[in-house]
PDB file of all heavy atoms in Angstrom:
ATOM      1  N   LEU A   1     -70.336 -91.150 -61.338  1.00  0.00           N
ATOM      2  CA  LEU A   1     -69.676 -89.861 -61.338  1.00  0.00           C
ATOM      3  C   LEU A   1     -68.611 -89.884 -62.432  1.00  0.00           C
ATOM      4  O   LEU A   1     -67.710 -90.719 -62.412  1.00  0.00           O
ATOM      5  CB  LEU A   1     -69.050 -89.594 -59.974  1.00  0.00           C
ATOM      6  CG  LEU A   1     -68.561 -88.194 -59.707  1.00  0.00           C
ATOM      7  CD1 LEU A   1     -69.717 -87.200 -59.807  1.00  0.00           C
ATOM      8  CD2 LEU A   1     -67.947 -88.118 -58.329  1.00  0.00           C
ATOM      9  N   ILE A   2     -68.731 -88.968 -63.398  1.00  0.00           N
ATOM     10  CA  ILE A   2     -67.857 -88.966 -64.566  1.00  0.00           C
ATOM     11  C   ILE A   2     -67.107 -87.644 -64.640  1.00  0.00           C
ATOM     12  O   ILE A   2     -67.719 -86.575 -64.602  1.00  0.00           O
ATOM     13  CB  ILE A   2     -68.677 -89.169 -65.852  1.00  0.00           C
ATOM     14  CG1 ILE A   2     -69.477 -90.462 -65.745  1.00  0.00           C
ATOM     15  CG2 ILE A   2     -67.768 -89.173 -67.073  1.00  0.00           C
ATOM     16  CD1 ILE A   2     -70.578 -90.595 -66.766  1.00  0.00           C
ATOM     17  N   ASP A   3     -65.787 -87.731 -64.758  1.00  0.00           N
ATOM     18  CA  ASP A   3     -64.957 -86.555 -64.976  1.00  0.00           C
ATOM     19  C   ASP A   3     -64.849 -86.376 -66.484  1.00  0.00           C
ATOM     20  O   ASP A   3     -64.139 -87.121 -67.159  1.00  0.00           O
ATOM     21  CB  ASP A   3     -63.576 -86.758 -64.341  1.00  0.00           C
ATOM     22  CG  ASP A   3     -62.685 -85.529 -64.471  1.00  0.00           C
ATOM     23  OD1 ASP A   3     -62.986 -84.639 -65.291  1.00  0.00           O
ATOM     24  OD2 ASP A   3     -61.672 -85.469 -63.748  1.00  0.00           O
ATOM     25  N   VAL A   4     -65.540 -85.395 -67.023  1.00  0.00           N
ATOM     26  CA  VAL A   4     -65.593 -85.244 -68.475  1.00  0.00           C
ATOM     27  C   VAL A   4     -64.269 -84.782 -69.063  1.00  0.00           C
ATOM     28  O   VAL A   4     -64.010 -84.979 -70.244  1.00  0.00           O
ATOM     29  CB  VAL A   4     -66.735 -84.290 -68.903  1.00  0.00           C
ATOM     30  CG1 VAL A   4     -68.081 -84.887 -68.561  1.00  0.00           C
ATOM     31  CG2 VAL A   4     -66.588 -82.923 -68.270  1.00  0.00           C
ATOM     32  N   LYS A   5     -63.425 -84.179 -68.243  1.00  0.00           N
ATOM     33  CA  LYS A   5     -62.130 -83.724 -68.733  1.00  0.00           C
ATOM     34  C   LYS A   5     -61.181 -84.897 -68.965  1.00  0.00           C
ATOM     35  O   LYS A   5     -60.509 -84.965 -69.986  1.00  0.00           O
ATOM     36  CB  LYS A   5     -61.516 -82.740 -67.742  1.00  0.00           C
ATOM     37  CG  LYS A   5     -60.225 -82.116 -68.215  1.00  0.00           C
ATOM     38  CD  LYS A   5     -59.732 -81.082 -67.222  1.00  0.00           C
ATOM     39  CE  LYS A   5     -58.458 -80.429 -67.709  1.00  0.00           C
ATOM     40  NZ  LYS A   5     -57.954 -79.440 -66.753  1.00  0.00           N
ATOM     41  N   THR A   6     -61.135 -85.818 -68.006  1.00  0.00           N
ATOM     42  CA  THR A   6     -60.196 -86.937 -68.100  1.00  0.00           C
ATOM     43  C   THR A   6     -60.834 -88.223 -68.608  1.00  0.00           C
ATOM     44  O   THR A   6     -60.134 -89.139 -69.021  1.00  0.00           O
ATOM     45  CB  THR A   6     -59.570 -87.234 -66.722  1.00  0.00           C
ATOM     46  OG1 THR A   6     -60.603 -87.678 -65.836  1.00  0.00           O
ATOM     47  CG2 THR A   6     -58.875 -86.010 -66.156  1.00  0.00           C
ATOM     48  N   GLY A   7     -62.143 -88.323 -68.517  1.00  0.00           N
ATOM     49  CA  GLY A   7     -62.825 -89.539 -68.923  1.00  0.00           C
ATOM     50  C   GLY A   7     -62.871 -90.599 -67.834  1.00  0.00           C
ATOM     51  O   GLY A   7     -63.417 -91.676 -68.034  1.00  0.00           O
ATOM     52  N   GLN A   8     -62.299 -90.303 -66.679  1.00  0.00           N
ATOM     53  CA  GLN A   8     -62.356 -91.248 -65.571  1.00  0.00           C
ATOM     54  C   GLN A   8     -63.757 -91.251 -64.976  1.00  0.00           C
ATOM     55  O   GLN A   8     -64.429 -90.225 -64.973  1.00  0.00           O
ATOM     56  CB  GLN A   8     -61.329 -90.876 -64.501  1.00  0.00           C
ATOM     57  CG  GLN A   8     -59.911 -91.028 -64.956  1.00  0.00           C
ATOM     58  CD  GLN A   8     -58.929 -90.661 -63.859  1.00  0.00           C
ATOM     59  OE1 GLN A   8     -59.259 -89.967 -62.916  1.00  0.00           O
ATOM     60  NE2 GLN A   8     -57.700 -91.141 -63.992  1.00  0.00           N
ATOM     61  N   TRP A   9     -64.157 -92.392 -64.473  1.00  0.00           N
ATOM     62  CA  TRP A   9     -65.488 -92.494 -63.882  1.00  0.00           C
ATOM     63  C   TRP A   9     -65.465 -93.472 -62.718  1.00  0.00           C
ATOM     64  O   TRP A   9     -64.567 -94.275 -62.576  1.00  0.00           O
ATOM     65  CB  TRP A   9     -66.514 -92.922 -64.922  1.00  0.00           C
ATOM     66  CG  TRP A   9     -66.202 -94.229 -65.586  1.00  0.00           C
ATOM     67  CD1 TRP A   9     -65.345 -94.437 -66.625  1.00  0.00           C
ATOM     68  CD2 TRP A   9     -66.723 -95.504 -65.229  1.00  0.00           C
ATOM     69  NE1 TRP A   9     -65.318 -95.774 -66.944  1.00  0.00           N
ATOM     70  CE2 TRP A   9     -66.159 -96.450 -66.105  1.00  0.00           C
ATOM     71  CE3 TRP A   9     -67.621 -95.949 -64.267  1.00  0.00           C
ATOM     72  CZ2 TRP A   9     -66.460 -97.797 -66.043  1.00  0.00           C
ATOM     73  CZ3 TRP A   9     -67.918 -97.299 -64.209  1.00  0.00           C
ATOM     74  CH2 TRP A   9     -67.342 -98.194 -65.093  1.00  0.00           C
ATOM     75  N   GLU A  10     -66.491 -93.346 -61.903  1.00  0.00           N
ATOM     76  CA  GLU A  10     -66.640 -94.221 -60.736  1.00  0.00           C
ATOM     77  C   GLU A  10     -68.123 -94.387 -60.454  1.00  0.00           C
ATOM     78  O   GLU A  10     -68.898 -93.448 -60.612  1.00  0.00           O
ATOM     79  CB  GLU A  10     -65.951 -93.598 -59.519  1.00  0.00           C
ATOM     80  CG  GLU A  10     -66.046 -94.451 -58.275  1.00  0.00           C
ATOM     81  CD  GLU A  10     -65.365 -93.817 -57.069  1.00  0.00           C
ATOM     82  OE1 GLU A  10     -64.696 -92.795 -57.213  1.00  0.00           O
ATOM     83  OE2 GLU A  10     -65.541 -94.378 -55.975  1.00  0.00           O
ATOM     84  N   ILE A  11     -68.488 -95.570 -60.038  1.00  0.00           N
ATOM     85  CA  ILE A  11     -69.864 -95.847 -59.614  1.00  0.00           C
ATOM     86  C   ILE A  11     -69.829 -96.174 -58.133  1.00  0.00           C
ATOM     87  O   ILE A  11     -68.977 -96.925 -57.675  1.00  0.00           O
ATOM     88  CB  ILE A  11     -70.479 -97.012 -60.401  1.00  0.00           C
ATOM     89  CG1 ILE A  11     -70.636 -96.631 -61.864  1.00  0.00           C
ATOM     90  CG2 ILE A  11     -71.812 -97.436 -59.799  1.00  0.00           C
ATOM     91  CD1 ILE A  11     -71.163 -97.727 -62.754  1.00  0.00           C
ATOM     92  N   PHE A  12     -70.742 -95.582 -57.376  1.00  0.00           N
ATOM     93  CA  PHE A  12     -70.861 -95.935 -55.971  1.00  0.00           C
ATOM     94  C   PHE A  12     -72.321 -95.933 -55.561  1.00  0.00           C
ATOM     95  O   PHE A  12     -73.163 -95.327 -56.207  1.00  0.00           O
ATOM     96  CB  PHE A  12     -70.009 -95.029 -55.059  1.00  0.00           C
ATOM     97  CG  PHE A  12     -70.421 -93.589 -55.034  1.00  0.00           C
ATOM     98  CD1 PHE A  12     -71.277 -93.109 -54.057  1.00  0.00           C
ATOM     99  CD2 PHE A  12     -69.917 -92.695 -55.971  1.00  0.00           C
ATOM    100  CE1 PHE A  12     -71.638 -91.783 -54.018  1.00  0.00           C
ATOM    101  CE2 PHE A  12     -70.268 -91.366 -55.933  1.00  0.00           C
ATOM    102  CZ  PHE A  12     -71.133 -90.907 -54.953  1.00  0.00           C
ATOM    103  N   VAL A  13     -72.596 -96.678 -54.496  1.00  0.00           N
ATOM    104  CA  VAL A  13     -73.961 -96.815 -53.990  1.00  0.00           C
ATOM    105  C   VAL A  13     -73.977 -96.308 -52.542  1.00  0.00           C
ATOM    106  O   VAL A  13     -73.445 -96.964 -51.656  1.00  0.00           O
ATOM    107  CB  VAL A  13     -74.439 -98.278 -54.040  1.00  0.00           C
ATOM    108  CG1 VAL A  13     -75.855 -98.405 -53.489  1.00  0.00           C
ATOM    109  CG2 VAL A  13     -74.355 -98.817 -55.454  1.00  0.00           C
ATOM    110  N   PRO A  14     -74.570 -95.131 -52.323  1.00  0.00           N
ATOM    111  CA  PRO A  14     -74.658 -94.634 -50.947  1.00  0.00           C
ATOM    112  C   PRO A  14     -75.627 -95.483 -50.123  1.00  0.00           C
ATOM    113  O   PRO A  14     -76.390 -96.286 -50.664  1.00  0.00           O
ATOM    114  CB  PRO A  14     -75.204 -93.215 -51.091  1.00  0.00           C
ATOM    115  CG  PRO A  14     -75.369 -92.956 -52.533  1.00  0.00           C
ATOM    116  CD  PRO A  14     -75.114 -94.214 -53.283  1.00  0.00           C
ATOM    117  N   GLU A  15     -75.588 -95.287 -48.829  1.00  0.00           N
ATOM    118  CA  GLU A  15     -76.470 -96.025 -47.935  1.00  0.00           C
ATOM    119  C   GLU A  15     -77.941 -95.722 -48.255  1.00  0.00           C
ATOM    120  O   GLU A  15     -78.297 -94.596 -48.580  1.00  0.00           O
ATOM    121  CB  GLU A  15     -76.169 -95.615 -46.487  1.00  0.00           C
ATOM    122  CG  GLU A  15     -76.813 -96.495 -45.464  1.00  0.00           C
ATOM    123  CD  GLU A  15     -76.339 -96.170 -44.062  1.00  0.00           C
ATOM    124  OE1 GLU A  15     -75.149 -95.906 -43.886  1.00  0.00           O
ATOM    125  OE2 GLU A  15     -77.192 -96.188 -43.155  1.00  0.00           O
ATOM    126  N   ALA A  16     -78.787 -96.734 -48.163  1.00  0.00           N
ATOM    127  CA  ALA A  16     -80.220 -96.563 -48.430  1.00  0.00           C
ATOM    128  C   ALA A  16     -80.855 -95.670 -47.370  1.00  0.00           C
ATOM    129  O   ALA A  16     -80.444 -95.676 -46.211  1.00  0.00           O
ATOM    130  CB  ALA A  16     -80.918 -97.916 -48.450  1.00  0.00           C
ATOM    131  N   ILE A  17     -81.872 -94.907 -47.768  1.00  0.00           N
ATOM    132  CA  ILE A  17     -82.617 -94.026 -46.876  1.00  0.00           C
ATOM    133  C   ILE A  17     -84.003 -94.633 -46.699  1.00  0.00           C
ATOM    134  O   ILE A  17     -84.665 -94.980 -47.676  1.00  0.00           O
ATOM    135  CB  ILE A  17     -82.745 -92.603 -47.467  1.00  0.00           C
ATOM    136  CG1 ILE A  17     -81.378 -92.027 -47.853  1.00  0.00           C
ATOM    137  CG2 ILE A  17     -83.497 -91.695 -46.523  1.00  0.00           C
ATOM    138  CD1 ILE A  17     -80.492 -91.692 -46.711  1.00  0.00           C
ATOM    139  N   GLU A  18     -84.457 -94.760 -45.434  1.00  0.00           N
ATOM    140  CA  GLU A  18     -85.774 -95.341 -45.147  1.00  0.00           C
ATOM    141  C   GLU A  18     -86.638 -94.341 -44.388  1.00  0.00           C
ATOM    142  O   GLU A  18     -86.122 -93.464 -43.707  1.00  0.00           O
ATOM    143  CB  GLU A  18     -85.630 -96.603 -44.304  1.00  0.00           C
ATOM    144  CG  GLU A  18     -84.971 -97.739 -45.016  1.00  0.00           C
ATOM    145  CD  GLU A  18     -84.967 -99.013 -44.205  1.00  0.00           C
ATOM    146  OE1 GLU A  18     -85.682 -99.089 -43.183  1.00  0.00           O
ATOM    147  OE2 GLU A  18     -84.250 -99.939 -44.603  1.00  0.00           O
ATOM    148  N   HIS A  19     -87.955 -94.520 -44.528  1.00  0.00           N
ATOM    149  CA  HIS A  19     -88.900 -93.658 -43.823  1.00  0.00           C
ATOM    150  C   HIS A  19     -90.195 -94.426 -43.586  1.00  0.00           C
ATOM    151  O   HIS A  19     -90.666 -95.153 -44.453  1.00  0.00           O
ATOM    152  CB  HIS A  19     -89.183 -92.402 -44.648  1.00  0.00           C
ATOM    153  CG  HIS A  19     -90.038 -91.411 -43.942  1.00  0.00           C
ATOM    154  ND1 HIS A  19     -91.383 -91.326 -44.158  1.00  0.00           N
ATOM    155  CD2 HIS A  19     -89.735 -90.470 -43.025  1.00  0.00           C
ATOM    156  CE1 HIS A  19     -91.877 -90.360 -43.394  1.00  0.00           C
ATOM    157  NE2 HIS A  19     -90.896 -89.828 -42.698  1.00  0.00           N
ATOM    158  N   ASP A  20     -90.762 -94.288 -42.400  1.00  0.00           N
ATOM    159  CA  ASP A  20     -92.052 -94.891 -42.059  1.00  0.00           C
ATOM    160  C   ASP A  20     -93.113 -93.799 -41.997  1.00  0.00           C
ATOM    161  O   ASP A  20     -92.834 -92.687 -41.550  1.00  0.00           O
ATOM    162  CB  ASP A  20     -92.004 -95.564 -40.688  1.00  0.00           C
ATOM    163  CG  ASP A  20     -91.109 -96.783 -40.677  1.00  0.00           C
ATOM    164  OD1 ASP A  20     -90.958 -97.405 -41.740  1.00  0.00           O
ATOM    165  OD2 ASP A  20     -90.567 -97.103 -39.610  1.00  0.00           O
ATOM    166  N   ALA A  21     -94.317 -94.122 -42.428  1.00  0.00           N
ATOM    167  CA  ALA A  21     -95.420 -93.164 -42.366  1.00  0.00           C
ATOM    168  C   ALA A  21     -96.730 -93.912 -42.138  1.00  0.00           C
ATOM    169  O   ALA A  21     -96.859 -95.084 -42.478  1.00  0.00           O
ATOM    170  CB  ALA A  21     -95.511 -92.353 -43.649  1.00  0.00           C
ATOM    171  N   ILE A  22     -97.675 -93.200 -41.556  1.00  0.00           N
ATOM    172  CA  ILE A  22     -99.024 -93.725 -41.352  1.00  0.00           C
ATOM    173  C   ILE A  22     -99.967 -92.820 -42.135  1.00  0.00           C
ATOM    174  O   ILE A  22     -99.846 -91.600 -42.087  1.00  0.00           O
ATOM    175  CB  ILE A  22     -99.395 -93.729 -39.859  1.00  0.00           C
ATOM    176  CG1 ILE A  22     -98.453 -94.656 -39.089  1.00  0.00           C
ATOM    177  CG2 ILE A  22    -100.839 -94.161 -39.674  1.00  0.00           C
ATOM    178  CD1 ILE A  22     -98.645 -94.630 -37.592  1.00  0.00           C
ATOM    179  N   SER A  23    -100.896 -93.423 -42.862  1.00  0.00           N
ATOM    180  CA  SER A  23    -101.813 -92.618 -43.659  1.00  0.00           C
ATOM    181  C   SER A  23    -103.244 -93.120 -43.534  1.00  0.00           C
ATOM    182  O   SER A  23    -103.491 -94.264 -43.173  1.00  0.00           O
ATOM    183  CB  SER A  23    -101.387 -92.614 -45.129  1.00  0.00           C
ATOM    184  OG  SER A  23    -101.435 -93.917 -45.651  1.00  0.00           O
ATOM    185  N   ALA A  24    -104.166 -92.236 -43.865  1.00  0.00           N
ATOM    186  CA  ALA A  24    -105.591 -92.555 -43.895  1.00  0.00           C
ATOM    187  C   ALA A  24    -106.033 -92.645 -45.352  1.00  0.00           C
ATOM    188  O   ALA A  24    -105.391 -92.084 -46.238  1.00  0.00           O
ATOM    189  CB  ALA A  24    -106.375 -91.476 -43.168  1.00  0.00           C
ATOM    190  N   GLY A  25    -107.112 -93.317 -45.598  1.00  0.00           N
ATOM    191  CA  GLY A  25    -107.617 -93.477 -46.957  1.00  0.00           C
ATOM    192  C   GLY A  25    -107.863 -92.162 -47.669  1.00  0.00           C
ATOM    193  O   GLY A  25    -107.572 -92.018 -48.854  1.00  0.00           O
ATOM    194  N   TYR A  26    -108.356 -91.185 -46.949  1.00  0.00           N
ATOM    195  CA  TYR A  26    -108.697 -89.881 -47.532  1.00  0.00           C
ATOM    196  C   TYR A  26    -107.452 -89.140 -48.021  1.00  0.00           C
ATOM    197  O   TYR A  26    -107.495 -88.467 -49.043  1.00  0.00           O
ATOM    198  CB  TYR A  26    -109.441 -89.047 -46.487  1.00  0.00           C
ATOM    199  CG  TYR A  26    -109.893 -87.706 -46.978  1.00  0.00           C
ATOM    200  CD1 TYR A  26    -110.905 -87.591 -47.914  1.00  0.00           C
ATOM    201  CD2 TYR A  26    -109.294 -86.545 -46.509  1.00  0.00           C
ATOM    202  CE1 TYR A  26    -111.314 -86.355 -48.369  1.00  0.00           C
ATOM    203  CE2 TYR A  26    -109.697 -85.303 -46.955  1.00  0.00           C
ATOM    204  CZ  TYR A  26    -110.708 -85.211 -47.886  1.00  0.00           C
ATOM    205  OH  TYR A  26    -111.108 -83.989 -48.334  1.00  0.00           O
ATOM    206  N   THR A  27    -106.342 -89.257 -47.318  1.00  0.00           N
ATOM    207  CA  THR A  27    -105.130 -88.508 -47.661  1.00  0.00           C
ATOM    208  C   THR A  27    -103.989 -89.401 -48.131  1.00  0.00           C
ATOM    209  O   THR A  27    -102.853 -88.951 -48.225  1.00  0.00           O
ATOM    210  CB  THR A  27    -104.644 -87.709 -46.434  1.00  0.00           C
ATOM    211  OG1 THR A  27    -104.350 -88.628 -45.376  1.00  0.00           O
ATOM    212  CG2 THR A  27    -105.653 -86.690 -45.990  1.00  0.00           C
ATOM    213  N   ARG A  28    -104.266 -90.646 -48.421  1.00  0.00           N
ATOM    214  CA  ARG A  28    -103.200 -91.608 -48.721  1.00  0.00           C
ATOM    215  C   ARG A  28    -102.353 -91.203 -49.924  1.00  0.00           C
ATOM    216  O   ARG A  28    -101.130 -91.252 -49.871  1.00  0.00           O
ATOM    217  CB  ARG A  28    -103.785 -92.998 -48.949  1.00  0.00           C
ATOM    218  CG  ARG A  28    -102.696 -94.047 -49.139  1.00  0.00           C
ATOM    219  CD  ARG A  28    -103.150 -95.441 -48.816  1.00  0.00           C
ATOM    220  NE  ARG A  28    -103.441 -95.518 -47.390  1.00  0.00           N
ATOM    221  CZ  ARG A  28    -104.596 -95.967 -46.899  1.00  0.00           C
ATOM    222  NH1 ARG A  28    -105.532 -96.405 -47.695  1.00  0.00           N
ATOM    223  NH2 ARG A  28    -104.805 -95.998 -45.602  1.00  0.00           N
ATOM    224  N   GLU A  29    -102.963 -90.798 -50.999  1.00  0.00           N
ATOM    225  CA  GLU A  29    -102.197 -90.473 -52.202  1.00  0.00           C
ATOM    226  C   GLU A  29    -101.245 -89.307 -51.960  1.00  0.00           C
ATOM    227  O   GLU A  29    -100.064 -89.380 -52.299  1.00  0.00           O
ATOM    228  CB  GLU A  29    -103.132 -90.146 -53.367  1.00  0.00           C
ATOM    229  CG  GLU A  29    -102.388 -89.946 -54.671  1.00  0.00           C
ATOM    230  CD  GLU A  29    -103.329 -89.750 -55.845  1.00  0.00           C
ATOM    231  OE1 GLU A  29    -104.520 -90.076 -55.737  1.00  0.00           O
ATOM    232  OE2 GLU A  29    -102.839 -89.253 -56.874  1.00  0.00           O
ATOM    233  N   SER A  30    -101.728 -88.253 -51.347  1.00  0.00           N
ATOM    234  CA  SER A  30    -100.854 -87.106 -51.082  1.00  0.00           C
ATOM    235  C   SER A  30     -99.798 -87.451 -50.038  1.00  0.00           C
ATOM    236  O   SER A  30     -98.662 -86.981 -50.103  1.00  0.00           O
ATOM    237  CB  SER A  30    -101.662 -85.886 -50.650  1.00  0.00           C
ATOM    238  OG  SER A  30    -102.298 -86.119 -49.415  1.00  0.00           O
ATOM    239  N   SER A  31    -100.155 -88.288 -49.082  1.00  0.00           N
ATOM    240  CA  SER A  31     -99.197 -88.722 -48.069  1.00  0.00           C
ATOM    241  C   SER A  31     -98.082 -89.543 -48.705  1.00  0.00           C
ATOM    242  O   SER A  31     -96.897 -89.364 -48.383  1.00  0.00           O
ATOM    243  CB  SER A  31     -99.906 -89.546 -46.995  1.00  0.00           C
ATOM    244  OG  SER A  31     -98.995 -90.064 -46.072  1.00  0.00           O
ATOM    245  N   ASP A  32     -98.432 -90.437 -49.609  1.00  0.00           N
ATOM    246  CA  ASP A  32     -97.432 -91.256 -50.300  1.00  0.00           C
ATOM    247  C   ASP A  32     -96.496 -90.378 -51.127  1.00  0.00           C
ATOM    248  O   ASP A  32     -95.285 -90.579 -51.124  1.00  0.00           O
ATOM    249  CB  ASP A  32     -98.104 -92.286 -51.201  1.00  0.00           C
ATOM    250  CG  ASP A  32     -98.798 -93.392 -50.433  1.00  0.00           C
ATOM    251  OD1 ASP A  32     -98.653 -93.443 -49.188  1.00  0.00           O
ATOM    252  OD2 ASP A  32     -99.513 -94.193 -51.073  1.00  0.00           O
ATOM    253  N   GLN A  33     -97.061 -89.415 -51.843  1.00  0.00           N
ATOM    254  CA  GLN A  33     -96.241 -88.529 -52.665  1.00  0.00           C
ATOM    255  C   GLN A  33     -95.314 -87.681 -51.805  1.00  0.00           C
ATOM    256  O   GLN A  33     -94.169 -87.434 -52.174  1.00  0.00           O
ATOM    257  CB  GLN A  33     -97.126 -87.649 -53.547  1.00  0.00           C
ATOM    258  CG  GLN A  33     -97.870 -88.423 -54.618  1.00  0.00           C
ATOM    259  CD  GLN A  33     -96.940 -89.220 -55.509  1.00  0.00           C
ATOM    260  OE1 GLN A  33     -95.910 -88.727 -55.940  1.00  0.00           O
ATOM    261  NE2 GLN A  33     -97.291 -90.474 -55.773  1.00  0.00           N
ATOM    262  N   SER A  34     -95.807 -87.243 -50.658  1.00  0.00           N
ATOM    263  CA  SER A  34     -94.970 -86.470 -49.730  1.00  0.00           C
ATOM    264  C   SER A  34     -93.827 -87.329 -49.207  1.00  0.00           C
ATOM    265  O   SER A  34     -92.697 -86.857 -49.062  1.00  0.00           O
ATOM    266  CB  SER A  34     -95.800 -85.953 -48.564  1.00  0.00           C
ATOM    267  OG  SER A  34     -96.780 -85.067 -49.002  1.00  0.00           O
ATOM    268  N   GLN A  35     -94.115 -88.581 -48.919  1.00  0.00           N
ATOM    269  CA  GLN A  35     -93.098 -89.492 -48.418  1.00  0.00           C
ATOM    270  C   GLN A  35     -92.025 -89.734 -49.477  1.00  0.00           C
ATOM    271  O   GLN A  35     -90.826 -89.741 -49.172  1.00  0.00           O
ATOM    272  CB  GLN A  35     -93.730 -90.813 -47.987  1.00  0.00           C
ATOM    273  CG  GLN A  35     -92.790 -91.729 -47.243  1.00  0.00           C
ATOM    274  CD  GLN A  35     -93.477 -93.005 -46.758  1.00  0.00           C
ATOM    275  OE1 GLN A  35     -94.578 -93.326 -47.180  1.00  0.00           O
ATOM    276  NE2 GLN A  35     -92.815 -93.724 -45.885  1.00  0.00           N
ATOM    277  N   VAL A  36     -92.419 -89.909 -50.725  1.00  0.00           N
ATOM    278  CA  VAL A  36     -91.468 -90.103 -51.817  1.00  0.00           C
ATOM    279  C   VAL A  36     -90.601 -88.853 -51.986  1.00  0.00           C
ATOM    280  O   VAL A  36     -89.375 -88.949 -52.135  1.00  0.00           O
ATOM    281  CB  VAL A  36     -92.201 -90.446 -53.135  1.00  0.00           C
ATOM    282  CG1 VAL A  36     -91.252 -90.389 -54.324  1.00  0.00           C
ATOM    283  CG2 VAL A  36     -92.848 -91.814 -53.050  1.00  0.00           C
ATOM    284  N   ALA A  37     -91.218 -87.675 -51.955  1.00  0.00           N
ATOM    285  CA  ALA A  37     -90.465 -86.425 -52.092  1.00  0.00           C
ATOM    286  C   ALA A  37     -89.456 -86.261 -50.956  1.00  0.00           C
ATOM    287  O   ALA A  37     -88.321 -85.836 -51.181  1.00  0.00           O
ATOM    288  CB  ALA A  37     -91.423 -85.237 -52.130  1.00  0.00           C
ATOM    289  N   LEU A  38     -89.859 -86.606 -49.743  1.00  0.00           N
ATOM    290  CA  LEU A  38     -88.957 -86.520 -48.594  1.00  0.00           C
ATOM    291  C   LEU A  38     -87.770 -87.476 -48.769  1.00  0.00           C
ATOM    292  O   LEU A  38     -86.616 -87.091 -48.537  1.00  0.00           O
ATOM    293  CB  LEU A  38     -89.715 -86.852 -47.306  1.00  0.00           C
ATOM    294  CG  LEU A  38     -88.883 -86.910 -46.034  1.00  0.00           C
ATOM    295  CD1 LEU A  38     -88.380 -85.521 -45.669  1.00  0.00           C
ATOM    296  CD2 LEU A  38     -89.701 -87.488 -44.898  1.00  0.00           C
ATOM    297  N   LEU A  39     -88.048 -88.700 -49.181  1.00  0.00           N
ATOM    298  CA  LEU A  39     -86.976 -89.676 -49.394  1.00  0.00           C
ATOM    299  C   LEU A  39     -86.005 -89.207 -50.476  1.00  0.00           C
ATOM    300  O   LEU A  39     -84.790 -89.333 -50.326  1.00  0.00           O
ATOM    301  CB  LEU A  39     -87.557 -91.033 -49.774  1.00  0.00           C
ATOM    302  CG  LEU A  39     -88.104 -91.854 -48.623  1.00  0.00           C
ATOM    303  CD1 LEU A  39     -88.899 -93.040 -49.155  1.00  0.00           C
ATOM    304  CD2 LEU A  39     -86.993 -92.329 -47.731  1.00  0.00           C
TER     305      LEU A  39
END
């Protein structure tokens, strides 16, 4: 996060977000993409 007016900046790491999903071979690719979008 950078304040462009003052030049001050800070780096932080928020808590990780996790998600579990079950998929079938037929829909696996779209299921994976949906899971990534949700995360």
